[in-house]
Amino acid sequence: MQFHANHVSASEDGDYYQVMFEAREDAGDLQRPYLIIQRQFEDPDGGLCYVETHDEKYIGHFRVRRIDLSPTRIVLEIDRPGANVVEVTFGMASSDFKVVARVVDIITCAIDPL
């Protein structure tokens, strides 16, 4: 699945981390393309991330095989046989990218959340 996001955000709340990529920042439009990647560190999660998109085939808890993040694109590959790659293009300021990259690094355990 591929789409272009006009809105990108990252958030953290205690042991919970999330990045979101949305085609439109309109929560009332349930058909808008979006990608959410979440991870919590409060309880053992077996290394699984929660993934949600506008396409029900990509909703659930999955082990992440790969996340490639750049200032213009993210590619997420989840560990399952089919419907396993989501690519989102976007544009953002370098300061915003640093925030998003930090949260993605925490989600993937590339860096410690502490």
C-alpha atoms as a PDB file:
ATOM      1  CA  MET A   1       0.000   0.000   0.000  1.00  0.00           C
ATOM      2  CA  GLN A   2       1.204   3.508  -0.816  1.00  0.00           C
ATOM      3  CA  PHE A   3      -0.071   7.028  -0.166  1.00  0.00           C
ATOM      4  CA  HIS A   4       1.109  10.590   0.420  1.00  0.00           C
ATOM      5  CA  ALA A   5       0.715  12.176   3.871  1.00  0.00           C
ATOM      6  CA  ASN A   6       0.216  15.888   4.349  1.00  0.00           C
ATOM      7  CA  HIS A   7       0.361  15.608   8.135  1.00  0.00           C
ATOM      8  CA  VAL A   8       2.974  13.747  10.202  1.00  0.00           C
ATOM      9  CA  SER A   9       3.114  13.635  13.996  1.00  0.00           C
ATOM     10  CA  ALA A  10       4.964  11.845  16.765  1.00  0.00           C
ATOM     11  CA  SER A  11       3.944  11.541  20.382  1.00  0.00           C
ATOM     12  CA  GLU A  12       5.012   9.919  23.591  1.00  0.00           C
ATOM     13  CA  ASP A  13       3.176   9.502  26.849  1.00  0.00           C
ATOM     14  CA  GLY A  14       5.037   7.662  29.574  1.00  0.00           C
ATOM     15  CA  ASP A  15       5.909   4.251  28.139  1.00  0.00           C
ATOM     16  CA  TYR A  16       3.734   4.708  25.020  1.00  0.00           C
ATOM     17  CA  TYR A  17       5.105   5.945  21.672  1.00  0.00           C
ATOM     18  CA  GLN A  18       3.317   6.682  18.415  1.00  0.00           C
ATOM     19  CA  VAL A  19       3.944   8.069  14.948  1.00  0.00           C
ATOM     20  CA  MET A  20       1.100   8.989  12.627  1.00  0.00           C
ATOM     21  CA  PHE A  21       1.044   9.786   8.921  1.00  0.00           C
ATOM     22  CA  GLU A  22      -2.241  11.192   7.553  1.00  0.00           C
ATOM     23  CA  ALA A  23      -3.289  12.253   4.087  1.00  0.00           C
ATOM     24  CA  ARG A  24      -5.580  14.844   5.702  1.00  0.00           C
ATOM     25  CA  GLU A  25      -5.781  15.993   9.290  1.00  0.00           C
ATOM     26  CA  ASP A  26      -9.528  15.347   9.490  1.00  0.00           C
ATOM     27  CA  ALA A  27     -10.416  12.763  12.127  1.00  0.00           C
ATOM     28  CA  GLY A  28     -14.035  12.775  10.935  1.00  0.00           C
ATOM     29  CA  ASP A  29     -13.084  11.300   7.556  1.00  0.00           C
ATOM     30  CA  LEU A  30     -12.727   7.585   8.260  1.00  0.00           C
ATOM     31  CA  GLN A  31     -11.689   6.806   4.666  1.00  0.00           C
ATOM     32  CA  ARG A  32      -8.688   9.152   4.654  1.00  0.00           C
ATOM     33  CA  PRO A  33      -5.401   7.318   4.137  1.00  0.00           C
ATOM     34  CA  TYR A  34      -3.386   7.058   7.338  1.00  0.00           C
ATOM     35  CA  LEU A  35      -0.741   4.966   9.071  1.00  0.00           C
ATOM     36  CA  ILE A  36      -0.257   4.689  12.828  1.00  0.00           C
ATOM     37  CA  ILE A  37       2.645   2.800  14.398  1.00  0.00           C
ATOM     38  CA  GLN A  38       2.538   2.388  18.185  1.00  0.00           C
ATOM     39  CA  ARG A  39       4.651   0.644  20.789  1.00  0.00           C
ATOM     40  CA  GLN A  40       4.306   0.414  24.533  1.00  0.00           C
ATOM     41  CA  PHE A  41       7.023  -0.522  27.005  1.00  0.00           C
ATOM     42  CA  GLU A  42       4.901  -0.715  30.157  1.00  0.00           C
ATOM     43  CA  ASP A  43       4.287  -4.469  29.811  1.00  0.00           C
ATOM     44  CA  PRO A  44       6.203  -7.162  27.926  1.00  0.00           C
ATOM     45  CA  ASP A  45       4.935  -7.060  24.337  1.00  0.00           C
ATOM     46  CA  GLY A  46       7.006  -9.771  22.695  1.00  0.00           C
ATOM     47  CA  GLY A  47       8.557  -7.197  20.374  1.00  0.00           C
ATOM     48  CA  LEU A  48       5.241  -6.442  18.666  1.00  0.00           C
ATOM     49  CA  CYS A  49       4.101  -3.041  17.425  1.00  0.00           C
ATOM     50  CA  TYR A  50       0.513  -2.008  16.895  1.00  0.00           C
ATOM     51  CA  VAL A  51      -0.100  -0.953  13.297  1.00  0.00           C
ATOM     52  CA  GLU A  52      -3.275   0.637  12.015  1.00  0.00           C
ATOM     53  CA  THR A  53      -4.232   1.987   8.607  1.00  0.00           C
ATOM     54  CA  HIS A  54      -7.362   2.915   6.711  1.00  0.00           C
ATOM     55  CA  ASP A  55      -7.121  -0.551   5.102  1.00  0.00           C
ATOM     56  CA  GLU A  56      -8.264  -3.255   7.534  1.00  0.00           C
ATOM     57  CA  LYS A  57      -5.687  -5.700   6.118  1.00  0.00           C
ATOM     58  CA  TYR A  58      -2.987  -3.705   7.907  1.00  0.00           C
ATOM     59  CA  ILE A  59      -4.469  -3.516  11.399  1.00  0.00           C
ATOM     60  CA  GLY A  60      -3.065  -5.503  14.302  1.00  0.00           C
ATOM     61  CA  HIS A  61      -0.037  -6.305  16.427  1.00  0.00           C
ATOM     62  CA  PHE A  62       2.947  -7.272  14.303  1.00  0.00           C
ATOM     63  CA  ARG A  63       6.678  -7.773  14.551  1.00  0.00           C
ATOM     64  CA  VAL A  64       8.338  -5.145  12.382  1.00  0.00           C
ATOM     65  CA  ARG A  65      10.782  -6.559   9.850  1.00  0.00           C
ATOM     66  CA  ARG A  66      11.971  -3.170   8.638  1.00  0.00           C
ATOM     67  CA  ILE A  67      11.337   0.545   8.968  1.00  0.00           C
ATOM     68  CA  ASP A  68      13.197   2.808   6.563  1.00  0.00           C
ATOM     69  CA  LEU A  69      12.658   6.452   7.450  1.00  0.00           C
ATOM     70  CA  SER A  70      13.926   9.504   5.575  1.00  0.00           C
ATOM     71  CA  PRO A  71      12.770  13.145   5.560  1.00  0.00           C
ATOM     72  CA  THR A  72      10.506  12.346   2.592  1.00  0.00           C
ATOM     73  CA  ARG A  73       9.374   8.736   3.064  1.00  0.00           C
ATOM     74  CA  ILE A  74       8.744   5.856   5.441  1.00  0.00           C
ATOM     75  CA  VAL A  75       8.611   2.210   4.414  1.00  0.00           C
ATOM     76  CA  LEU A  76       7.192  -0.206   6.968  1.00  0.00           C
ATOM     77  CA  GLU A  77       7.470  -3.952   6.456  1.00  0.00           C
ATOM     78  CA  ILE A  78       5.613  -6.167   8.909  1.00  0.00           C
ATOM     79  CA  ASP A  79       6.296  -9.834   9.575  1.00  0.00           C
ATOM     80  CA  ARG A  80       3.625 -11.735   7.700  1.00  0.00           C
ATOM     81  CA  PRO A  81       3.377 -13.402   4.269  1.00  0.00           C
ATOM     82  CA  GLY A  82       1.204 -10.926   2.342  1.00  0.00           C
ATOM     83  CA  ALA A  83      -0.056  -7.342   2.559  1.00  0.00           C
ATOM     84  CA  ASN A  84       3.088  -6.584   4.506  1.00  0.00           C
ATOM     85  CA  VAL A  85       4.535  -3.309   3.157  1.00  0.00           C
ATOM     86  CA  VAL A  86       3.256   0.239   3.624  1.00  0.00           C
ATOM     87  CA  GLU A  87       5.039   3.153   1.957  1.00  0.00           C
ATOM     88  CA  VAL A  88       4.155   6.746   2.794  1.00  0.00           C
ATOM     89  CA  THR A  89       5.697   9.817   1.203  1.00  0.00           C
ATOM     90  CA  PHE A  90       5.603  13.208   2.914  1.00  0.00           C
ATOM     91  CA  GLY A  91       7.520  16.433   3.443  1.00  0.00           C
ATOM     92  CA  MET A  92       8.540  18.019   6.742  1.00  0.00           C
ATOM     93  CA  ALA A  93      10.977  20.436   8.313  1.00  0.00           C
ATOM     94  CA  SER A  94      14.248  18.973   9.583  1.00  0.00           C
ATOM     95  CA  SER A  95      13.356  19.861  13.195  1.00  0.00           C
ATOM     96  CA  ASP A  96      10.070  17.924  12.883  1.00  0.00           C
ATOM     97  CA  PHE A  97      11.898  15.032  11.220  1.00  0.00           C
ATOM     98  CA  LYS A  98      14.270  14.754  14.203  1.00  0.00           C
ATOM     99  CA  VAL A  99      11.305  14.338  16.565  1.00  0.00           C
ATOM    100  CA  VAL A 100       9.653  11.709  14.352  1.00  0.00           C
ATOM    101  CA  ALA A 101      12.964   9.870  13.828  1.00  0.00           C
ATOM    102  CA  ARG A 102      13.596   9.726  17.581  1.00  0.00           C
ATOM    103  CA  VAL A 103      10.170   8.163  18.244  1.00  0.00           C
ATOM    104  CA  VAL A 104      10.625   5.668  15.369  1.00  0.00           C
ATOM    105  CA  ASP A 105      14.033   4.724  16.826  1.00  0.00           C
ATOM    106  CA  ILE A 106      12.400   4.097  20.223  1.00  0.00           C
ATOM    107  CA  ILE A 107       9.595   2.040  18.653  1.00  0.00           C
ATOM    108  CA  THR A 108      12.140  -0.133  16.831  1.00  0.00           C
ATOM    109  CA  CYS A 109      14.385  -0.342  19.925  1.00  0.00           C
ATOM    110  CA  ALA A 110      17.240   1.325  18.046  1.00  0.00           C
ATOM    111  CA  ILE A 111      17.525   3.634  21.071  1.00  0.00           C
ATOM    112  CA  ASP A 112      16.428   3.283  24.691  1.00  0.00           C
ATOM    113  CA  PRO A 113      13.382   5.383  25.615  1.00  0.00           C
ATOM    114  CA  LEU A 114      15.044   6.615  28.818  1.00  0.00           C
END
